[in-house]
Amino acid sequence: MNTYKHLDLSNNQLTIDCKDIILREYKVEDLDEMVAITHEPEVIEFLPDWNAPKEQRLDWLVHYEIAENSSF
């Protein structure tokens, strides 16, 4: 069974399109949507540490990559 509809490896970024959801690395352009989702009451209830200010989210998006990840 094929688990993906489309696999895109262009621009050295893995993107898996499963019709109802697209899996890919976060981008800085995702900041506003990420902040909105992480401030939803349903998310805060189960993941209270995710309720971070926009500036902290931006820092995480820009600096989340660590050298050890490149070994995968």
N, C-alpha and C. Protein backbone atom coordinates (compact mmCIF):
# COMPACT_ATOMS: atom_id res chain seq x y z
N MET A 1 0.84 -1.19 0.00
CA MET A 1 0.00 0.00 0.00
C MET A 1 0.88 1.24 0.00
N ASN A 2 0.60 2.16 -0.88
CA ASN A 2 1.35 3.40 -0.99
C ASN A 2 0.85 4.38 0.07
N THR A 3 1.73 4.85 0.95
CA THR A 3 1.32 5.73 2.03
C THR A 3 1.38 7.20 1.67
N TYR A 4 1.86 7.53 0.48
CA TYR A 4 1.91 8.93 0.09
C TYR A 4 1.38 9.10 -1.32
N LYS A 5 0.83 10.26 -1.53
CA LYS A 5 0.32 10.58 -2.86
C LYS A 5 1.41 11.19 -3.72
N HIS A 6 2.26 12.01 -3.11
CA HIS A 6 3.32 12.69 -3.86
C HIS A 6 4.52 12.89 -2.95
N LEU A 7 5.68 12.58 -3.43
CA LEU A 7 6.93 12.77 -2.70
C LEU A 7 7.79 13.73 -3.49
N ASP A 8 8.09 14.87 -2.89
CA ASP A 8 8.86 15.92 -3.57
C ASP A 8 10.19 16.11 -2.87
N LEU A 9 11.28 15.90 -3.57
CA LEU A 9 12.61 16.07 -2.99
C LEU A 9 13.32 17.29 -3.59
N SER A 10 12.59 18.18 -4.23
CA SER A 10 13.22 19.35 -4.82
C SER A 10 13.71 20.30 -3.74
N ASN A 11 14.69 21.07 -4.06
CA ASN A 11 15.28 22.05 -3.13
C ASN A 11 15.81 21.41 -1.85
N ASN A 12 16.21 20.15 -1.94
CA ASN A 12 16.75 19.44 -0.78
C ASN A 12 15.81 19.44 0.42
N GLN A 13 14.52 19.48 0.16
CA GLN A 13 13.54 19.45 1.24
C GLN A 13 12.56 18.32 0.98
N LEU A 14 12.43 17.44 1.95
CA LEU A 14 11.51 16.31 1.83
C LEU A 14 10.10 16.80 2.11
N THR A 15 9.20 16.55 1.18
CA THR A 15 7.79 16.88 1.35
C THR A 15 6.98 15.64 1.00
N ILE A 16 6.11 15.24 1.89
CA ILE A 16 5.23 14.10 1.66
C ILE A 16 3.79 14.62 1.67
N ASP A 17 3.09 14.48 0.56
CA ASP A 17 1.72 14.94 0.43
C ASP A 17 0.80 13.73 0.53
N CYS A 18 0.05 13.67 1.62
CA CYS A 18 -0.86 12.53 1.87
C CYS A 18 -2.32 12.91 1.65
N LYS A 19 -2.58 13.85 0.78
CA LYS A 19 -3.91 14.34 0.44
C LYS A 19 -4.49 15.20 1.54
N ASP A 20 -4.73 14.65 2.72
CA ASP A 20 -5.32 15.42 3.81
C ASP A 20 -4.30 16.15 4.66
N ILE A 21 -3.04 15.81 4.52
CA ILE A 21 -1.98 16.43 5.30
C ILE A 21 -0.70 16.45 4.48
N ILE A 22 0.07 17.50 4.65
CA ILE A 22 1.38 17.61 3.99
C ILE A 22 2.43 17.61 5.09
N LEU A 23 3.39 16.72 4.98
CA LEU A 23 4.47 16.62 5.95
C LEU A 23 5.73 17.22 5.36
N ARG A 24 6.31 18.19 6.06
CA ARG A 24 7.55 18.81 5.63
C ARG A 24 8.15 19.55 6.82
N GLU A 25 9.38 20.01 6.65
CA GLU A 25 10.01 20.80 7.70
C GLU A 25 9.29 22.14 7.83
N TYR A 26 9.34 22.68 9.05
CA TYR A 26 8.78 24.01 9.25
C TYR A 26 9.60 25.04 8.49
N LYS A 27 8.92 26.13 8.10
CA LYS A 27 9.55 27.27 7.45
C LYS A 27 9.23 28.51 8.28
N VAL A 28 10.05 29.53 8.16
CA VAL A 28 9.79 30.79 8.86
C VAL A 28 8.42 31.34 8.45
N GLU A 29 8.02 31.10 7.22
CA GLU A 29 6.72 31.56 6.73
C GLU A 29 5.56 30.91 7.49
N ASP A 30 5.82 29.83 8.22
CA ASP A 30 4.78 29.14 8.99
C ASP A 30 4.54 29.77 10.36
N LEU A 31 5.29 30.80 10.71
CA LEU A 31 5.27 31.34 12.07
C LEU A 31 3.87 31.74 12.52
N ASP A 32 3.15 32.54 11.76
CA ASP A 32 1.84 33.01 12.19
C ASP A 32 0.86 31.86 12.42
N GLU A 33 0.87 30.89 11.51
CA GLU A 33 -0.02 29.74 11.66
C GLU A 33 0.38 28.89 12.87
N MET A 34 1.69 28.74 13.09
CA MET A 34 2.16 27.96 14.23
C MET A 34 1.75 28.61 15.55
N VAL A 35 1.91 29.92 15.63
CA VAL A 35 1.52 30.64 16.84
C VAL A 35 0.02 30.51 17.07
N ALA A 36 -0.76 30.65 16.01
CA ALA A 36 -2.22 30.53 16.14
C ALA A 36 -2.63 29.15 16.64
N ILE A 37 -2.04 28.12 16.07
CA ILE A 37 -2.39 26.75 16.47
C ILE A 37 -1.97 26.48 17.91
N THR A 38 -0.77 26.91 18.29
CA THR A 38 -0.27 26.61 19.63
C THR A 38 -0.94 27.45 20.71
N HIS A 39 -1.74 28.44 20.32
CA HIS A 39 -2.51 29.22 21.30
C HIS A 39 -3.97 28.76 21.38
N GLU A 40 -4.32 27.72 20.66
CA GLU A 40 -5.67 27.16 20.73
C GLU A 40 -5.86 26.49 22.10
N PRO A 41 -7.02 26.68 22.73
CA PRO A 41 -7.25 26.08 24.06
C PRO A 41 -7.04 24.57 24.09
N GLU A 42 -7.42 23.88 23.02
CA GLU A 42 -7.27 22.42 22.99
C GLU A 42 -5.81 22.01 23.01
N VAL A 43 -4.94 22.80 22.39
CA VAL A 43 -3.52 22.50 22.38
C VAL A 43 -2.91 22.85 23.74
N ILE A 44 -3.26 24.02 24.26
CA ILE A 44 -2.73 24.46 25.55
C ILE A 44 -3.10 23.48 26.67
N GLU A 45 -4.29 22.93 26.59
CA GLU A 45 -4.74 21.99 27.62
C GLU A 45 -3.81 20.80 27.75
N PHE A 46 -3.37 20.25 26.63
CA PHE A 46 -2.55 19.04 26.64
C PHE A 46 -1.05 19.31 26.48
N LEU A 47 -0.71 20.47 25.92
CA LEU A 47 0.70 20.82 25.70
C LEU A 47 0.94 22.26 26.19
N PRO A 48 0.83 22.49 27.49
CA PRO A 48 0.93 23.87 28.00
C PRO A 48 2.26 24.55 27.69
N ASP A 49 3.33 23.81 27.57
CA ASP A 49 4.63 24.42 27.26
C ASP A 49 4.70 24.95 25.84
N TRP A 50 3.76 24.57 25.00
CA TRP A 50 3.75 25.05 23.62
C TRP A 50 3.19 26.46 23.52
N ASN A 51 2.61 26.98 24.58
CA ASN A 51 2.03 28.32 24.61
C ASN A 51 3.16 29.33 24.80
N ALA A 52 3.92 29.57 23.75
CA ALA A 52 5.09 30.44 23.81
C ALA A 52 4.84 31.71 23.01
N PRO A 53 5.51 32.80 23.39
CA PRO A 53 5.36 34.05 22.62
C PRO A 53 5.87 33.89 21.18
N LYS A 54 5.36 34.74 20.31
CA LYS A 54 5.73 34.69 18.89
C LYS A 54 7.24 34.82 18.70
N GLU A 55 7.89 35.68 19.47
CA GLU A 55 9.33 35.88 19.35
C GLU A 55 10.09 34.59 19.66
N GLN A 56 9.62 33.86 20.67
CA GLN A 56 10.27 32.59 21.04
C GLN A 56 10.06 31.55 19.94
N ARG A 57 8.88 31.51 19.37
CA ARG A 57 8.62 30.60 18.25
C ARG A 57 9.52 30.91 17.06
N LEU A 58 9.69 32.20 16.77
CA LEU A 58 10.55 32.60 15.66
C LEU A 58 11.98 32.15 15.91
N ASP A 59 12.47 32.35 17.12
CA ASP A 59 13.82 31.90 17.46
C ASP A 59 13.95 30.40 17.27
N TRP A 60 12.94 29.66 17.69
CA TRP A 60 12.97 28.21 17.53
C TRP A 60 12.98 27.82 16.05
N LEU A 61 12.15 28.48 15.25
CA LEU A 61 12.10 28.15 13.82
C LEU A 61 13.43 28.42 13.14
N VAL A 62 14.09 29.50 13.52
CA VAL A 62 15.34 29.88 12.87
C VAL A 62 16.51 29.03 13.36
N HIS A 63 16.49 28.62 14.63
CA HIS A 63 17.66 27.97 15.23
C HIS A 63 17.42 26.52 15.68
N TYR A 64 16.34 25.88 15.23
CA TYR A 64 16.04 24.54 15.72
C TYR A 64 16.99 23.47 15.20
N GLU A 65 17.59 23.70 14.05
CA GLU A 65 18.45 22.68 13.45
C GLU A 65 19.75 22.56 14.25
N ILE A 66 20.12 21.33 14.55
CA ILE A 66 21.37 21.08 15.23
C ILE A 66 22.26 20.22 14.33
N ALA A 67 23.55 20.36 14.52
CA ALA A 67 24.50 19.67 13.64
C ALA A 67 24.28 18.16 13.59
N GLU A 68 23.89 17.57 14.72
CA GLU A 68 23.71 16.12 14.77
C GLU A 68 22.61 15.63 13.83
N ASN A 69 21.65 16.49 13.50
CA ASN A 69 20.56 16.08 12.60
C ASN A 69 21.06 15.74 11.20
N SER A 70 22.15 16.35 10.77
CA SER A 70 22.64 16.11 9.42
C SER A 70 23.21 14.70 9.25
N SER A 71 23.41 13.99 10.35
CA SER A 71 23.94 12.63 10.25
C SER A 71 22.87 11.61 9.84
N PHE A 72 21.61 12.03 9.79
CA PHE A 72 20.55 11.09 9.42
C PHE A 72 20.47 10.97 7.94
